[in-house]
Structure formats: structure tokens, C-alpha cells
Amino acid sequence: RVLLYGHSAMVNRGISDQMGCDALWLPTYGAKPSDPSAIGWADDQVALWQYSNGKTNKTAYPTSVDGISTCDLSVVISNDLLRGH
């Protein structure tokens, strides 16, 4: 199982297909990716969403971790994709 991480300019399906990528870890700081098809991915191919870079975050999720401070933070959208099912 190969997971691709990168912003929309890098994660279009053509490039990811050439690399053999099965799932996407998408950073969009603020809004949950509501339409991954705009960059060629299906909803069920997005495994993780990085919602904050430690500064930019327009969600109700936190931007820091106790004992670490501000940092990149993500949430799992699909456990099955991460397990390879």
C-alpha cells in the first residue's frame, strides 16, 4: 500500500498512478476536502486530512498538542485505506 502526501498541484491522479499510489494524505488547512474529485481522486481514496500546519486552521480542531506546542496535525478519514483493505 502506497500513501501519497502533497498538495493539489502534486497529487493529481496522473502523477500518483505513475508512482503506484493507492491513497491520499491531503493537506488543506481549514476546510475538509469536500471534493477530492476536483484533483482526480475519489472520496474513498482520501485516507488522511492534514487540517493544520500549526498556524492556519479554520476548524474546531486544535492547532497544538500539550507538551509539543503548535505543529502539523491530521485526522484519519479512512482506517481501511491505512490498513490496506
N, C-alpha and C. Protein backbone atom coordinates (compact mmCIF):
# COMPACT_ATOMS: atom_id res chain seq x y z
N ARG A 1 0.85 -1.17 0.00
CA ARG A 1 0.00 0.00 0.00
C ARG A 1 0.89 1.23 0.00
N VAL A 2 0.64 2.16 -0.93
CA VAL A 2 1.43 3.39 -1.02
C VAL A 2 0.50 4.57 -0.76
N LEU A 3 0.94 5.45 0.14
CA LEU A 3 0.18 6.64 0.51
C LEU A 3 0.91 7.86 -0.02
N LEU A 4 0.20 8.72 -0.75
CA LEU A 4 0.78 9.94 -1.31
C LEU A 4 0.41 11.12 -0.44
N TYR A 5 1.41 11.96 -0.11
CA TYR A 5 1.17 13.18 0.64
C TYR A 5 1.59 14.36 -0.22
N GLY A 6 0.73 15.32 -0.36
CA GLY A 6 1.09 16.50 -1.13
C GLY A 6 -0.13 17.33 -1.45
N HIS A 7 0.11 18.58 -1.83
CA HIS A 7 -1.00 19.48 -2.14
C HIS A 7 -1.51 19.22 -3.54
N SER A 8 -2.60 19.87 -3.90
CA SER A 8 -3.32 19.54 -5.13
C SER A 8 -2.46 19.63 -6.39
N ALA A 9 -1.47 20.49 -6.41
CA ALA A 9 -0.62 20.58 -7.61
C ALA A 9 0.20 19.32 -7.80
N MET A 10 0.43 18.57 -6.72
CA MET A 10 1.27 17.38 -6.79
C MET A 10 0.49 16.08 -6.77
N VAL A 11 -0.75 16.11 -6.36
CA VAL A 11 -1.46 14.87 -6.09
C VAL A 11 -2.48 14.50 -7.16
N ASN A 12 -2.35 15.07 -8.35
CA ASN A 12 -3.31 14.68 -9.38
C ASN A 12 -3.13 13.20 -9.71
N ARG A 13 -4.18 12.57 -10.16
CA ARG A 13 -4.17 11.12 -10.36
C ARG A 13 -3.12 10.66 -11.36
N GLY A 14 -2.81 11.45 -12.37
CA GLY A 14 -1.82 11.02 -13.35
C GLY A 14 -0.47 10.75 -12.72
N ILE A 15 0.02 11.68 -11.91
CA ILE A 15 1.30 11.50 -11.23
C ILE A 15 1.23 10.37 -10.22
N SER A 16 0.17 10.34 -9.44
CA SER A 16 0.06 9.32 -8.40
C SER A 16 -0.10 7.92 -8.99
N ASP A 17 -0.79 7.80 -10.12
CA ASP A 17 -0.90 6.50 -10.77
C ASP A 17 0.46 6.00 -11.23
N GLN A 18 1.27 6.91 -11.77
CA GLN A 18 2.61 6.53 -12.21
C GLN A 18 3.47 6.06 -11.05
N MET A 19 3.23 6.61 -9.86
CA MET A 19 4.00 6.23 -8.68
C MET A 19 3.40 5.01 -7.98
N GLY A 20 2.24 4.55 -8.41
CA GLY A 20 1.60 3.40 -7.79
C GLY A 20 0.91 3.71 -6.47
N CYS A 21 0.41 4.92 -6.33
CA CYS A 21 -0.21 5.33 -5.07
C CYS A 21 -1.66 4.87 -5.01
N ASP A 22 -2.04 4.37 -3.83
CA ASP A 22 -3.38 3.85 -3.61
C ASP A 22 -4.28 4.80 -2.82
N ALA A 23 -3.67 5.66 -2.01
CA ALA A 23 -4.44 6.52 -1.11
C ALA A 23 -3.76 7.87 -0.98
N LEU A 24 -4.52 8.84 -0.49
CA LEU A 24 -4.05 10.22 -0.43
C LEU A 24 -4.09 10.74 1.00
N TRP A 25 -3.04 11.47 1.37
CA TRP A 25 -2.99 12.23 2.62
C TRP A 25 -2.98 13.68 2.18
N LEU A 26 -4.09 14.37 2.31
CA LEU A 26 -4.27 15.68 1.71
C LEU A 26 -4.19 16.80 2.73
N PRO A 27 -3.26 17.75 2.56
CA PRO A 27 -3.23 18.91 3.43
C PRO A 27 -4.07 20.05 2.85
N THR A 28 -5.12 20.40 3.55
CA THR A 28 -5.89 21.60 3.24
C THR A 28 -6.20 22.25 4.58
N TYR A 29 -5.55 23.34 4.87
CA TYR A 29 -5.60 23.94 6.20
C TYR A 29 -6.85 24.78 6.36
N GLY A 30 -7.86 24.17 6.88
CA GLY A 30 -9.08 24.90 7.16
C GLY A 30 -10.33 24.15 6.77
N ALA A 31 -10.48 23.85 5.50
CA ALA A 31 -11.71 23.20 5.07
C ALA A 31 -11.44 21.74 4.73
N LYS A 32 -12.26 20.86 5.26
CA LYS A 32 -12.13 19.45 4.91
C LYS A 32 -12.29 19.30 3.41
N PRO A 33 -11.46 18.49 2.77
CA PRO A 33 -11.58 18.34 1.32
C PRO A 33 -12.95 17.79 0.94
N SER A 34 -13.82 18.66 0.46
CA SER A 34 -15.19 18.25 0.18
C SER A 34 -15.33 17.64 -1.21
N ASP A 35 -14.39 17.93 -2.09
CA ASP A 35 -14.49 17.40 -3.44
C ASP A 35 -13.12 16.97 -3.96
N PRO A 36 -12.60 15.84 -3.49
CA PRO A 36 -11.31 15.37 -3.97
C PRO A 36 -11.33 15.08 -5.47
N SER A 37 -12.53 14.93 -6.04
CA SER A 37 -12.60 14.65 -7.48
C SER A 37 -12.08 15.82 -8.30
N ALA A 38 -12.04 17.00 -7.71
CA ALA A 38 -11.51 18.17 -8.41
C ALA A 38 -10.04 17.99 -8.78
N ILE A 39 -9.34 17.12 -8.04
CA ILE A 39 -7.95 16.82 -8.36
C ILE A 39 -7.78 15.37 -8.80
N GLY A 40 -8.89 14.72 -9.14
CA GLY A 40 -8.83 13.39 -9.73
C GLY A 40 -8.92 12.23 -8.76
N TRP A 41 -9.22 12.47 -7.50
CA TRP A 41 -9.33 11.41 -6.51
C TRP A 41 -10.79 11.21 -6.13
N ALA A 42 -11.15 10.01 -5.77
CA ALA A 42 -12.50 9.73 -5.27
C ALA A 42 -12.53 9.94 -3.76
N ASP A 43 -13.70 10.21 -3.21
CA ASP A 43 -13.84 10.39 -1.76
C ASP A 43 -13.25 9.23 -0.98
N ASP A 44 -13.45 8.02 -1.48
CA ASP A 44 -12.99 6.84 -0.75
C ASP A 44 -11.50 6.55 -0.93
N GLN A 45 -10.76 7.46 -1.56
CA GLN A 45 -9.31 7.31 -1.70
C GLN A 45 -8.54 8.25 -0.79
N VAL A 46 -9.23 9.13 -0.07
CA VAL A 46 -8.56 10.05 0.85
C VAL A 46 -8.49 9.36 2.22
N ALA A 47 -7.26 9.06 2.65
CA ALA A 47 -7.05 8.33 3.90
C ALA A 47 -6.87 9.26 5.09
N LEU A 48 -6.17 10.37 4.88
CA LEU A 48 -5.86 11.31 5.96
C LEU A 48 -6.07 12.73 5.48
N TRP A 49 -6.42 13.60 6.40
CA TRP A 49 -6.58 15.02 6.09
C TRP A 49 -5.74 15.80 7.09
N GLN A 50 -4.73 16.51 6.61
CA GLN A 50 -3.95 17.41 7.46
C GLN A 50 -4.67 18.74 7.48
N TYR A 51 -5.29 19.04 8.62
CA TYR A 51 -6.15 20.21 8.70
C TYR A 51 -5.42 21.46 9.21
N SER A 52 -4.21 21.31 9.71
CA SER A 52 -3.49 22.46 10.25
C SER A 52 -1.99 22.30 10.06
N ASN A 53 -1.33 23.43 9.83
CA ASN A 53 0.13 23.44 9.79
C ASN A 53 0.67 24.06 11.08
N GLY A 54 -0.15 24.08 12.10
CA GLY A 54 0.23 24.65 13.38
C GLY A 54 -0.14 26.11 13.51
N LYS A 55 -0.39 26.77 12.39
CA LYS A 55 -0.79 28.18 12.40
C LYS A 55 -2.15 28.35 11.76
N THR A 56 -2.28 27.87 10.53
CA THR A 56 -3.51 28.03 9.78
C THR A 56 -4.47 26.91 10.10
N ASN A 57 -5.64 27.25 10.56
CA ASN A 57 -6.63 26.25 10.93
C ASN A 57 -7.98 26.93 11.08
N LYS A 58 -8.88 26.66 10.17
CA LYS A 58 -10.22 27.25 10.24
C LYS A 58 -11.24 26.19 10.61
N THR A 59 -10.86 25.34 11.56
CA THR A 59 -11.75 24.27 12.02
C THR A 59 -11.89 24.38 13.53
N ALA A 60 -12.67 23.49 14.10
CA ALA A 60 -12.80 23.42 15.55
C ALA A 60 -11.72 22.53 16.16
N TYR A 61 -10.90 21.89 15.31
CA TYR A 61 -9.81 21.04 15.80
C TYR A 61 -8.68 21.89 16.37
N PRO A 62 -7.89 21.34 17.30
CA PRO A 62 -6.79 22.11 17.89
C PRO A 62 -5.62 22.31 16.92
N THR A 63 -4.78 23.31 17.20
CA THR A 63 -3.58 23.54 16.40
C THR A 63 -2.31 23.20 17.17
N SER A 64 -2.46 22.71 18.39
CA SER A 64 -1.28 22.37 19.18
C SER A 64 -1.54 21.09 19.98
N VAL A 65 -0.45 20.53 20.46
CA VAL A 65 -0.50 19.32 21.29
C VAL A 65 0.20 19.65 22.60
N ASP A 66 -0.44 19.33 23.73
CA ASP A 66 0.17 19.59 25.03
C ASP A 66 1.58 19.00 25.09
N GLY A 67 2.53 19.80 25.51
CA GLY A 67 3.90 19.34 25.64
C GLY A 67 4.72 19.46 24.36
N ILE A 68 4.05 19.74 23.24
CA ILE A 68 4.76 19.86 21.96
C ILE A 68 4.64 21.28 21.41
N SER A 69 3.51 21.93 21.64
CA SER A 69 3.19 23.26 21.10
C SER A 69 2.50 23.12 19.75
N THR A 70 2.55 24.17 18.93
CA THR A 70 1.90 24.12 17.63
C THR A 70 2.65 23.19 16.70
N CYS A 71 1.91 22.48 15.85
CA CYS A 71 2.53 21.51 14.95
C CYS A 71 1.53 21.12 13.85
N ASP A 72 2.03 20.41 12.84
CA ASP A 72 1.14 19.87 11.82
C ASP A 72 0.25 18.82 12.47
N LEU A 73 -1.04 18.87 12.17
CA LEU A 73 -1.99 17.93 12.75
C LEU A 73 -2.90 17.36 11.66
N SER A 74 -3.19 16.09 11.77
CA SER A 74 -4.03 15.40 10.79
C SER A 74 -5.07 14.55 11.48
N VAL A 75 -6.11 14.19 10.73
CA VAL A 75 -7.11 13.25 11.21
C VAL A 75 -7.23 12.12 10.19
N VAL A 76 -7.57 10.94 10.70
CA VAL A 76 -7.78 9.78 9.83
C VAL A 76 -9.19 9.85 9.27
N ILE A 77 -9.30 9.73 7.96
CA ILE A 77 -10.60 9.67 7.31
C ILE A 77 -10.97 8.23 7.02
N SER A 78 -9.98 7.40 6.67
CA SER A 78 -10.26 6.00 6.34
C SER A 78 -9.22 5.07 6.93
N ASN A 79 -9.59 4.36 8.00
CA ASN A 79 -8.71 3.34 8.57
C ASN A 79 -8.46 2.21 7.59
N ASP A 80 -9.47 1.87 6.80
CA ASP A 80 -9.32 0.76 5.85
C ASP A 80 -8.21 1.04 4.84
N LEU A 81 -8.11 2.28 4.35
CA LEU A 81 -7.05 2.62 3.41
C LEU A 81 -5.67 2.49 4.05
N LEU A 82 -5.56 2.86 5.32
CA LEU A 82 -4.28 2.77 6.01
C LEU A 82 -3.89 1.33 6.27
N ARG A 83 -4.87 0.46 6.45
CA ARG A 83 -4.59 -0.96 6.70
C ARG A 83 -4.41 -1.75 5.41
N GLY A 84 -4.74 -1.12 4.29
CA GLY A 84 -4.57 -1.83 3.01
C GLY A 84 -5.74 -2.67 2.61
N HIS A 85 -6.93 -2.39 3.13
CA HIS A 85 -8.13 -3.16 2.78
C HIS A 85 -8.86 -2.46 1.66
